[in-house]
Amino acid sequence: MEQSELLRYVVRVVEDMRLRYFVTGSTATIFYGEPRFTNDIDVVIELPEERITDFCRQFPEGDFYVSEAAAHDAVRRNGQFNIIHPASGLKVDVIVPASSPFNQSRFARIRRVHAGKDFEAFFASPEDAIIKKMEYYRQGGSEKHLRDITGILKTSPEQIDTAYIARWVQTMGLDDIWTAIQERTAGSG
């Protein structure tokens, strides 16, 4: 199974179940920015506890590994759990969002895009993908997050609502990271 096939499969499941979702993380930043390899797909899904069993059943045990107990734990604590496709080594990180103003804004700004040659999916806006990558950078310091952000800003700068980013950067205390990214982008142009 290729990554695009796994994404198509997950999108079909969540859309058939009528769950709100969007693709984020590296998959989104690669879509909006510059290509690079990633072995996982990050999907934010509003998954009610009473739908967990049905959701997990959509990923047959012979083809996938998903822990229903981990899914319940993720829903209770607004965390994440994995869906693994062992034959390919690919993984889906299912992120259960907390109810917060930022997450409400992210859902309000999702975009329907051509995610593959034969399907569409909801993706986080490029601005929200940038903001989350800044958060991940703050948590772990990985340069790949800064490269992903820079890739989006270099690929389509005219399409980025920097005022929106600046508002959330200030609210979330990401000012230093955002300033460094802007300096990096200006220096590479």
Protein backbone atom coordinates (compact mmCIF):
# COMPACT_ATOMS: atom_id res chain seq x y z
CA MET A 1 0.00 0.00 0.00
CA GLU A 2 1.30 3.43 -0.96
CA GLN A 3 0.90 6.44 1.32
CA SER A 4 -1.72 8.02 -0.97
CA GLU A 5 -3.74 4.77 -0.89
CA LEU A 6 -3.67 4.73 2.91
CA LEU A 7 -4.75 8.37 3.02
CA ARG A 8 -7.59 7.63 0.57
CA TYR A 9 -8.68 4.68 2.74
CA VAL A 10 -8.72 6.74 5.96
CA VAL A 11 -10.55 9.62 4.27
CA ARG A 12 -13.20 7.22 2.95
CA VAL A 13 -13.70 5.76 6.45
CA VAL A 14 -14.10 9.12 8.21
CA GLU A 15 -16.29 10.57 5.47
CA ASP A 16 -18.51 7.46 5.35
CA MET A 17 -18.86 7.72 9.13
CA ARG A 18 -19.57 11.48 8.79
CA LEU A 19 -16.84 12.43 11.25
CA ARG A 20 -15.26 15.89 11.12
CA TYR A 21 -11.58 15.69 10.23
CA PHE A 22 -8.66 17.27 8.47
CA VAL A 23 -5.19 16.18 7.38
CA THR A 24 -2.36 18.09 9.01
CA GLY A 25 1.31 17.65 9.93
CA SER A 26 3.94 16.76 7.35
CA THR A 27 1.39 15.53 4.83
CA ALA A 28 -0.19 19.00 4.78
CA THR A 29 3.09 20.90 4.75
CA ILE A 30 4.39 18.75 1.90
CA PHE A 31 1.16 19.38 0.00
CA TYR A 32 1.49 23.16 0.42
CA GLY A 33 5.27 23.37 0.35
CA GLU A 34 8.23 21.30 -0.75
CA PRO A 35 8.39 17.51 -1.08
CA ARG A 36 10.18 15.36 1.45
CA PHE A 37 9.78 11.83 2.79
CA THR A 38 7.42 11.13 5.67
CA ASN A 39 6.30 7.75 6.94
CA ASP A 40 3.17 8.88 8.72
CA ILE A 41 -0.06 10.72 8.07
CA ASP A 42 -1.48 13.03 10.74
CA VAL A 43 -5.26 13.31 10.78
CA VAL A 44 -7.27 15.32 13.31
CA ILE A 45 -10.60 13.56 13.88
CA GLU A 46 -13.49 14.48 16.15
CA LEU A 47 -14.20 10.93 17.34
CA PRO A 48 -16.98 10.54 19.91
CA GLU A 49 -16.34 7.77 22.43
CA GLU A 50 -19.49 5.90 21.43
CA ARG A 51 -18.18 5.61 17.83
CA ILE A 52 -14.71 4.24 18.66
CA THR A 53 -15.59 0.55 18.26
CA ASP A 54 -17.22 1.15 14.88
CA PHE A 55 -14.26 3.29 13.78
CA CYS A 56 -11.70 0.64 14.76
CA ARG A 57 -13.67 -2.09 12.94
CA GLN A 58 -13.13 -0.19 9.69
CA PHE A 59 -9.46 -1.24 9.85
CA PRO A 60 -9.50 -5.06 9.59
CA GLU A 61 -7.10 -6.90 11.87
CA GLY A 62 -5.43 -8.82 9.05
CA ASP A 63 -4.45 -5.60 7.26
CA PHE A 64 -4.10 -3.05 10.06
CA TYR A 65 -3.16 -2.73 13.69
CA VAL A 66 -5.24 -0.35 15.80
CA SER A 67 -5.75 -0.55 19.55
CA GLU A 68 -9.29 0.18 20.64
CA ALA A 69 -8.01 0.74 24.19
CA ALA A 70 -5.53 3.35 22.91
CA ALA A 71 -8.34 5.02 20.94
CA HIS A 72 -10.51 5.23 24.09
CA ASP A 73 -7.58 6.69 26.02
CA ALA A 74 -6.90 9.25 23.28
CA VAL A 75 -10.54 10.35 23.19
CA ARG A 76 -10.66 10.72 26.98
CA ARG A 77 -7.49 12.84 27.17
CA ASN A 78 -7.60 14.55 23.75
CA GLY A 79 -4.47 12.73 22.72
CA GLN A 80 -3.59 10.53 19.79
CA PHE A 81 -3.47 6.89 18.76
CA ASN A 82 -2.07 5.05 15.76
CA ILE A 83 -3.37 3.02 12.87
CA ILE A 84 -0.53 0.94 11.48
CA HIS A 85 -0.40 -0.82 8.14
CA PRO A 86 2.30 -3.44 8.93
CA ALA A 87 2.79 -4.66 5.35
CA SER A 88 3.93 -1.21 4.21
CA GLY A 89 5.27 0.17 7.49
CA LEU A 90 3.01 3.20 7.11
CA LYS A 91 1.28 4.78 10.08
CA VAL A 92 -1.62 7.14 10.64
CA ASP A 93 -1.52 9.33 13.75
CA VAL A 94 -5.13 9.98 14.72
CA ILE A 95 -5.22 13.17 16.78
CA VAL A 96 -8.33 13.79 18.89
CA PRO A 97 -8.59 17.56 19.31
CA ALA A 98 -9.41 19.38 22.52
CA SER A 99 -12.18 21.93 22.38
CA SER A 100 -10.22 25.18 22.15
CA PRO A 101 -10.49 28.45 20.25
CA PHE A 102 -7.50 27.48 18.08
CA ASN A 103 -8.96 24.07 17.18
CA GLN A 104 -12.32 25.68 16.42
CA SER A 105 -10.51 28.10 14.13
CA ARG A 106 -8.61 25.25 12.46
CA PHE A 107 -11.85 23.40 11.67
CA ALA A 108 -13.45 26.60 10.37
CA ARG A 109 -10.54 27.12 7.93
CA ILE A 110 -10.12 23.62 6.47
CA ARG A 111 -9.77 23.30 2.70
CA ARG A 112 -11.05 20.61 0.37
CA VAL A 113 -8.12 19.70 -1.89
CA HIS A 114 -7.16 17.10 -4.50
CA ALA A 115 -5.14 14.91 -2.16
CA GLY A 116 -4.46 12.26 -4.77
CA LYS A 117 -5.12 11.61 -8.41
CA ASP A 118 -8.56 10.16 -7.71
CA PHE A 119 -9.81 11.63 -4.42
CA GLU A 120 -10.26 14.79 -2.39
CA ALA A 121 -9.80 15.36 1.33
CA PHE A 122 -10.06 18.11 3.92
CA PHE A 123 -6.66 19.58 4.81
CA ALA A 124 -5.66 22.10 7.46
CA SER A 125 -5.12 25.55 6.00
CA PRO A 126 -1.47 26.30 5.24
CA GLU A 127 -1.49 28.92 8.02
CA ASP A 128 -2.73 26.43 10.59
CA ALA A 129 -0.20 23.84 9.41
CA ILE A 130 2.53 26.46 9.91
CA ILE A 131 1.32 27.33 13.41
CA LYS A 132 1.21 23.67 14.49
CA LYS A 133 4.69 23.09 13.05
CA MET A 134 5.93 26.00 15.18
CA GLU A 135 4.39 24.34 18.23
CA TYR A 136 6.08 21.03 17.35
CA TYR A 137 9.38 22.86 16.89
CA ARG A 138 9.00 24.48 20.32
CA GLN A 139 8.34 21.05 21.87
CA GLY A 140 11.14 19.12 20.21
CA GLY A 141 13.48 21.48 18.37
CA SER A 142 13.55 19.42 15.16
CA GLU A 143 14.82 21.39 12.15
CA LYS A 144 12.45 19.47 9.84
CA HIS A 145 9.56 21.56 11.21
CA LEU A 146 11.34 24.79 10.30
CA ARG A 147 12.17 23.40 6.83
CA ASP A 148 8.52 22.46 6.33
CA ILE A 149 7.37 25.97 7.30
CA THR A 150 9.98 27.62 5.11
CA GLY A 151 8.91 25.38 2.21
CA ILE A 152 5.32 26.60 2.45
CA LEU A 153 6.36 30.24 2.73
CA LYS A 154 8.71 29.98 -0.27
CA THR A 155 6.31 28.00 -2.47
CA SER A 156 3.24 30.21 -2.19
CA PRO A 157 3.91 33.33 -0.09
CA GLU A 158 1.11 35.34 -1.72
CA GLN A 159 -1.46 32.79 -0.55
CA ILE A 160 -0.47 32.92 3.12
CA ASP A 161 -2.47 35.06 5.55
CA THR A 162 0.42 36.24 7.71
CA ALA A 163 -1.87 38.47 9.82
CA TYR A 164 -3.79 35.35 10.88
CA ILE A 165 -0.52 33.60 11.76
CA ALA A 166 0.71 36.65 13.70
CA ARG A 167 -2.48 36.72 15.81
CA TRP A 168 -2.12 33.07 16.86
CA VAL A 169 1.66 33.36 17.27
CA GLN A 170 1.11 36.11 19.84
CA THR A 171 -1.69 34.21 21.60
CA MET A 172 0.36 31.00 21.76
CA GLY A 173 3.69 32.57 22.69
CA LEU A 174 5.47 31.58 19.47
CA ASP A 175 6.82 35.07 18.69
CA ASP A 176 10.54 34.16 18.78
CA ILE A 177 10.08 31.17 16.48
CA TRP A 178 7.96 33.14 14.00
CA THR A 179 10.51 35.98 13.93
CA ALA A 180 13.34 33.50 13.27
CA ILE A 181 11.33 31.88 10.45
CA GLN A 182 10.61 35.24 8.83
CA GLU A 183 14.31 36.15 9.01
CA ARG A 184 15.27 32.78 7.54
CA THR A 185 12.75 33.18 4.70
CA ALA A 186 13.82 36.75 3.93
CA GLY A 187 17.46 35.67 3.85
CA SER A 188 16.79 32.81 1.40
CA GLY A 189 14.74 34.90 -1.05
